[in-house]
Amino acid sequence: MAQTEDRRIRKTKKAMTKALAGLLLEKPLNNISVREIAEIADINRGTFYLHYRDVYDMSEQLQNEIFEKFNEIVDSHHIADSLKPKKSADELFPMLVELFNLLAENSDLARVMLGRNGDAAFIDKLKQIIREKCFADIQKIFNIGNNSEFDYFYHYIVSGCIGICGAWLMSGMKETSTEMAALTEKLILNGAKILK
């Protein structure tokens, strides 16, 4: 019984997420109403309020879920001991594959979050996580000192990576996660080698 209920809740939340994502393709979050989401998701407004306070709360919870999964992936590939890296540059690829898989699994929402009606705070938070977790590893792997060149490299690569992800999502994800991870890894590592 509980499993059927959980499945029903997941199905309802998925319908609401798809509705929100569709609306965000047309207009910004502050112009979207609970009524619109409920109509498109084919639920009543009461059902919406069982899960979220308002549209902003819904957006925030969905973003937090993505960040939680993103953090789990990055942490599972993260350097455990800041003095002794447990991985080499070769191990960037598996993490990137997992991250592209996460984007694919959440493509409706990710497409709009990285698109023109996306939330700038979402992108800023994503950049911050990438800087703190991913780029600290790259800096250690390539033994790059804390310098202004590395800072410019970070801004260049992180903006490029977010652009690649957005372009991939908007083009209908024709390439596989593995193909996109290989391309992204090549761009990151070639750029890092220049700074050595």
Protein backbone atom coordinates (compact mmCIF):
# COMPACT_ATOMS: atom_id res chain seq x y z
CA MET A 1 0.00 0.00 0.00
CA ALA A 2 2.74 2.47 0.97
CA GLN A 3 4.68 1.68 -2.21
CA THR A 4 1.60 2.41 -4.35
CA GLU A 5 1.15 5.68 -2.48
CA ASP A 6 4.82 6.59 -2.99
CA ARG A 7 4.50 5.79 -6.71
CA ARG A 8 1.40 8.01 -6.91
CA ILE A 9 3.20 10.87 -5.15
CA ARG A 10 6.22 10.52 -7.47
CA LYS A 11 3.91 10.52 -10.50
CA THR A 12 2.10 13.64 -9.24
CA LYS A 13 5.36 15.46 -8.51
CA LYS A 14 6.73 14.49 -11.91
CA ALA A 15 3.61 15.90 -13.60
CA MET A 16 3.93 19.14 -11.62
CA THR A 17 7.64 19.40 -12.45
CA LYS A 18 6.94 18.88 -16.14
CA ALA A 19 4.21 21.54 -15.97
CA LEU A 20 6.52 24.04 -14.27
CA ALA A 21 9.32 23.33 -16.76
CA GLY A 22 6.95 23.83 -19.70
CA LEU A 23 5.74 27.13 -18.30
CA LEU A 24 9.30 28.31 -17.62
CA LEU A 25 10.06 27.87 -21.32
CA GLU A 26 7.38 30.48 -22.01
CA LYS A 27 7.77 32.96 -19.15
CA PRO A 28 9.70 33.78 -15.96
CA LEU A 29 8.90 32.16 -12.61
CA ASN A 30 7.27 35.27 -11.15
CA ASN A 31 4.59 35.12 -13.89
CA ILE A 32 3.61 31.50 -13.18
CA SER A 33 0.66 30.65 -10.95
CA VAL A 34 -0.27 27.57 -8.95
CA ARG A 35 -3.49 27.42 -10.97
CA GLU A 36 -1.54 27.09 -14.23
CA ILE A 37 0.66 24.32 -12.85
CA ALA A 38 -2.36 22.47 -11.45
CA GLU A 39 -4.26 22.74 -14.75
CA ILE A 40 -1.37 21.45 -16.85
CA ALA A 41 -0.48 18.68 -14.36
CA ASP A 42 -4.17 17.71 -14.19
CA ILE A 43 -4.35 17.99 -10.40
CA ASN A 44 -6.33 20.23 -8.09
CA ARG A 45 -4.70 23.14 -6.31
CA GLY A 46 -5.08 21.36 -2.97
CA THR A 47 -2.80 18.59 -4.20
CA PHE A 48 -0.18 21.19 -5.14
CA TYR A 49 -0.34 22.68 -1.63
CA LEU A 50 0.20 19.25 -0.07
CA HIS A 51 3.73 19.37 -1.48
CA TYR A 52 4.67 23.05 -1.85
CA ARG A 53 3.82 26.41 -0.24
CA ASP A 54 3.87 28.26 -3.57
CA VAL A 55 5.57 28.31 -6.97
CA TYR A 56 8.80 29.72 -5.50
CA ASP A 57 8.93 26.97 -2.87
CA MET A 58 8.42 24.38 -5.59
CA SER A 59 11.24 25.82 -7.69
CA GLU A 60 13.56 25.97 -4.69
CA GLN A 61 12.82 22.39 -3.62
CA LEU A 62 13.38 21.08 -7.14
CA GLN A 63 16.66 22.97 -7.42
CA ASN A 64 17.77 21.66 -4.03
CA GLU A 65 17.04 18.09 -5.13
CA ILE A 66 19.26 18.56 -8.19
CA PHE A 67 22.03 20.15 -6.10
CA GLU A 68 21.84 17.29 -3.60
CA LYS A 69 22.28 14.70 -6.38
CA PHE A 70 25.01 16.84 -8.00
CA ASN A 71 26.88 17.02 -4.67
CA GLU A 72 26.55 13.26 -4.14
CA ILE A 73 28.13 12.60 -7.54
CA VAL A 74 30.95 15.09 -7.07
CA ASP A 75 31.64 13.94 -3.49
CA SER A 76 31.85 10.31 -4.58
CA HIS A 77 34.71 11.36 -6.92
CA HIS A 78 36.22 14.01 -4.64
CA ILE A 79 39.71 14.02 -3.15
CA ALA A 80 39.39 12.55 0.33
CA ASP A 81 42.70 13.87 1.65
CA SER A 82 43.63 17.33 0.47
CA LEU A 83 47.34 16.46 0.64
CA LYS A 84 47.21 13.12 -1.18
CA PRO A 85 44.92 13.03 -4.20
CA LYS A 86 43.31 9.62 -4.66
CA LYS A 87 42.63 10.25 -8.32
CA SER A 88 44.33 11.38 -11.44
CA ALA A 89 43.12 13.45 -14.38
CA ASP A 90 41.93 10.17 -15.95
CA GLU A 91 39.21 9.90 -13.31
CA LEU A 92 37.48 13.12 -14.31
CA PHE A 93 35.64 11.28 -17.08
CA PRO A 94 33.49 8.94 -14.89
CA MET A 95 32.29 11.91 -12.83
CA LEU A 96 31.37 13.86 -15.97
CA VAL A 97 29.41 10.88 -17.34
CA GLU A 98 27.40 10.73 -14.11
CA LEU A 99 26.78 14.49 -14.20
CA PHE A 100 25.54 14.34 -17.80
CA ASN A 101 23.31 11.39 -16.81
CA LEU A 102 21.88 13.53 -14.00
CA LEU A 103 21.13 16.29 -16.52
CA ALA A 104 19.45 13.78 -18.84
CA GLU A 105 17.31 12.36 -16.01
CA ASN A 106 16.18 15.88 -15.10
CA SER A 107 16.22 17.29 -18.62
CA ASP A 108 12.86 19.09 -18.50
CA LEU A 109 13.84 21.13 -15.47
CA ALA A 110 17.56 21.42 -16.28
CA ARG A 111 16.78 22.77 -19.76
CA VAL A 112 14.86 25.72 -18.34
CA MET A 113 17.15 26.31 -15.36
CA LEU A 114 20.06 26.76 -17.75
CA GLY A 115 17.93 28.60 -20.35
CA ARG A 116 16.89 32.21 -20.77
CA ASN A 117 14.08 32.08 -18.16
CA GLY A 118 16.30 30.16 -15.76
CA ASP A 119 17.18 31.27 -12.28
CA ALA A 120 20.46 33.24 -12.13
CA ALA A 121 20.84 32.18 -8.48
CA PHE A 122 20.71 28.52 -9.60
CA ILE A 123 23.56 29.07 -12.06
CA ASP A 124 25.58 31.04 -9.47
CA LYS A 125 25.16 28.26 -6.91
CA LEU A 126 26.14 25.67 -9.52
CA LYS A 127 29.28 27.66 -10.35
CA GLN A 128 30.16 27.91 -6.66
CA ILE A 129 29.86 24.14 -6.15
CA ILE A 130 31.96 23.48 -9.26
CA ARG A 131 34.64 25.89 -8.04
CA GLU A 132 34.79 24.48 -4.52
CA LYS A 133 34.64 20.81 -5.36
CA CYS A 134 35.69 20.15 -8.96
CA PHE A 135 38.24 22.86 -9.61
CA ALA A 136 40.05 22.31 -6.33
CA ASP A 137 40.74 18.80 -7.60
CA ILE A 138 41.91 20.00 -11.03
CA GLN A 139 44.19 22.53 -9.40
CA LYS A 140 45.79 19.77 -7.27
CA ILE A 141 45.97 17.17 -10.03
CA PHE A 142 47.86 19.57 -12.30
CA ASN A 143 49.80 21.20 -9.47
CA ILE A 144 48.62 24.68 -10.47
CA GLY A 145 49.32 27.36 -7.89
CA ASN A 146 46.75 29.83 -6.65
CA ASN A 147 47.20 32.48 -9.29
CA SER A 148 45.18 34.83 -11.41
CA GLU A 149 45.63 32.66 -14.52
CA PHE A 150 43.92 29.76 -12.79
CA ASP A 151 41.09 32.09 -11.72
CA TYR A 152 40.54 33.17 -15.31
CA PHE A 153 40.77 29.54 -16.42
CA TYR A 154 38.06 28.62 -13.90
CA HIS A 155 35.69 31.35 -15.16
CA TYR A 156 36.34 30.42 -18.77
CA ILE A 157 35.83 26.68 -18.29
CA VAL A 158 32.87 26.82 -15.91
CA SER A 159 30.96 29.19 -18.18
CA GLY A 160 31.85 26.97 -21.13
CA CYS A 161 30.73 23.81 -19.31
CA ILE A 162 27.39 25.35 -18.36
CA GLY A 163 27.04 26.54 -21.97
CA ILE A 164 27.80 23.03 -23.28
CA CYS A 165 25.21 21.52 -20.93
CA GLY A 166 22.57 24.07 -21.93
CA ALA A 167 23.27 23.63 -25.65
CA TRP A 168 23.12 19.83 -25.32
CA LEU A 169 19.79 19.99 -23.50
CA MET A 170 18.29 22.52 -25.92
CA SER A 171 19.37 20.52 -28.98
CA GLY A 172 17.49 17.45 -27.74
CA MET A 173 20.48 15.54 -26.30
CA LYS A 174 21.43 13.90 -29.60
CA GLU A 175 24.81 12.82 -28.23
CA THR A 176 25.09 10.35 -25.36
CA SER A 177 26.18 11.35 -21.86
CA THR A 178 29.42 9.48 -22.53
CA GLU A 179 30.12 11.46 -25.72
CA MET A 180 29.41 14.76 -23.97
CA ALA A 181 31.59 13.79 -21.00
CA ALA A 182 34.48 12.96 -23.35
CA LEU A 183 34.19 16.33 -25.11
CA THR A 184 33.92 18.26 -21.83
CA GLU A 185 36.87 16.39 -20.30
CA LYS A 186 39.02 17.13 -23.35
CA LEU A 187 38.24 20.86 -23.15
CA ILE A 188 38.92 21.05 -19.40
CA LEU A 189 42.15 19.04 -19.46
CA ASN A 190 43.61 20.76 -22.52
CA GLY A 191 42.97 24.12 -20.89
CA ALA A 192 44.55 22.99 -17.60
CA LYS A 193 47.69 21.74 -19.38
CA ILE A 194 48.32 25.23 -20.77
CA LEU A 195 48.55 26.61 -17.23
CA LYS A 196 51.13 24.08 -16.01
